[in-house]
Amino acid sequence: MKEKMTSGSTRERQPRSVRLPGFIVEKDVGLGNFIQRATSAVGIKPCVGCERRAAALNQWFVFTGRRAR
């Protein structure tokens, strides 16, 4: 796993990225945003907990159209 050192002794993890060349052209899409779009498409309304969960999942996993970093 890639980890980046920041100022001080704290560490910031970089999200894992998966390349999906046929689906995403330029913009990165987090897992949380993907799930949010899918649930909205079937009629589930997002709540505050959904927003926090989406933000956490976006930090963990990203779909990209570019080569993985």
Protein backbone atom coordinates (compact mmCIF):
# COMPACT_ATOMS: atom_id res chain seq x y z
CA MET A 1 0.00 0.00 0.00
CA LYS A 2 1.26 3.45 -0.79
CA GLU A 3 1.74 5.77 2.13
CA LYS A 4 2.87 9.36 1.98
CA MET A 5 4.70 11.11 4.77
CA THR A 6 3.36 14.52 5.64
CA SER A 7 4.70 17.10 8.05
CA GLY A 8 5.25 15.70 11.49
CA SER A 9 4.75 12.05 12.28
CA THR A 10 1.30 11.60 10.74
CA ARG A 11 0.81 9.39 7.69
CA GLU A 12 -1.74 9.88 4.94
CA ARG A 13 -2.86 6.87 2.93
CA GLN A 14 -3.43 7.21 -0.77
CA PRO A 15 -6.63 5.53 -1.99
CA ARG A 16 -6.30 2.37 -4.02
CA SER A 17 -7.08 3.01 -7.65
CA VAL A 18 -8.46 0.66 -10.28
CA ARG A 19 -8.27 1.52 -13.97
CA LEU A 20 -11.53 1.14 -15.88
CA PRO A 21 -10.69 2.46 -19.36
CA GLY A 22 -14.05 1.72 -20.98
CA PHE A 23 -16.20 3.39 -18.34
CA ILE A 24 -14.36 6.49 -17.16
CA VAL A 25 -12.53 8.81 -19.53
CA GLU A 26 -10.72 11.45 -17.48
CA LYS A 27 -12.34 12.02 -14.12
CA ASP A 28 -11.64 9.91 -11.04
CA VAL A 29 -14.74 8.51 -9.30
CA GLY A 30 -14.64 7.31 -5.70
CA LEU A 31 -16.38 4.14 -4.57
CA GLY A 32 -18.67 6.18 -2.32
CA ASN A 33 -19.80 8.39 -5.20
CA PHE A 34 -20.39 5.32 -7.38
CA ILE A 35 -22.60 3.69 -4.73
CA GLN A 36 -24.40 6.99 -4.16
CA ARG A 37 -25.22 7.29 -7.87
CA ALA A 38 -26.39 3.67 -8.07
CA THR A 39 -28.68 3.95 -5.04
CA SER A 40 -30.09 7.28 -6.26
CA ALA A 41 -30.86 5.68 -9.62
CA VAL A 42 -33.08 3.07 -7.95
CA GLY A 43 -34.83 5.69 -5.80
CA ILE A 44 -33.04 5.55 -2.44
CA LYS A 45 -32.65 9.03 -0.98
CA PRO A 46 -29.26 9.84 0.65
CA CYS A 47 -29.07 10.83 4.32
CA VAL A 48 -26.32 12.36 6.47
CA GLY A 49 -24.91 8.93 7.28
CA CYS A 50 -24.76 8.13 3.57
CA GLU A 51 -22.72 11.29 2.93
CA ARG A 52 -20.17 10.35 5.63
CA ARG A 53 -19.99 6.77 4.37
CA ALA A 54 -19.45 7.98 0.79
CA ALA A 55 -16.63 10.28 1.92
CA ALA A 56 -14.92 7.44 3.79
CA LEU A 57 -15.25 5.05 0.82
CA ASN A 58 -13.90 7.72 -1.55
CA GLN A 59 -10.74 7.94 0.56
CA TRP A 60 -10.37 4.16 0.43
CA PHE A 61 -10.99 3.30 -3.25
CA VAL A 62 -11.00 5.24 -6.55
CA PHE A 63 -11.94 4.23 -10.11
CA THR A 64 -9.83 5.98 -12.71
CA GLY A 65 -9.53 6.10 -16.49
CA ARG A 66 -5.79 6.77 -16.33
CA ARG A 67 -3.04 4.31 -15.61
CA ALA A 68 -2.81 3.44 -11.90
CA ARG A 69 -0.35 5.57 -9.98
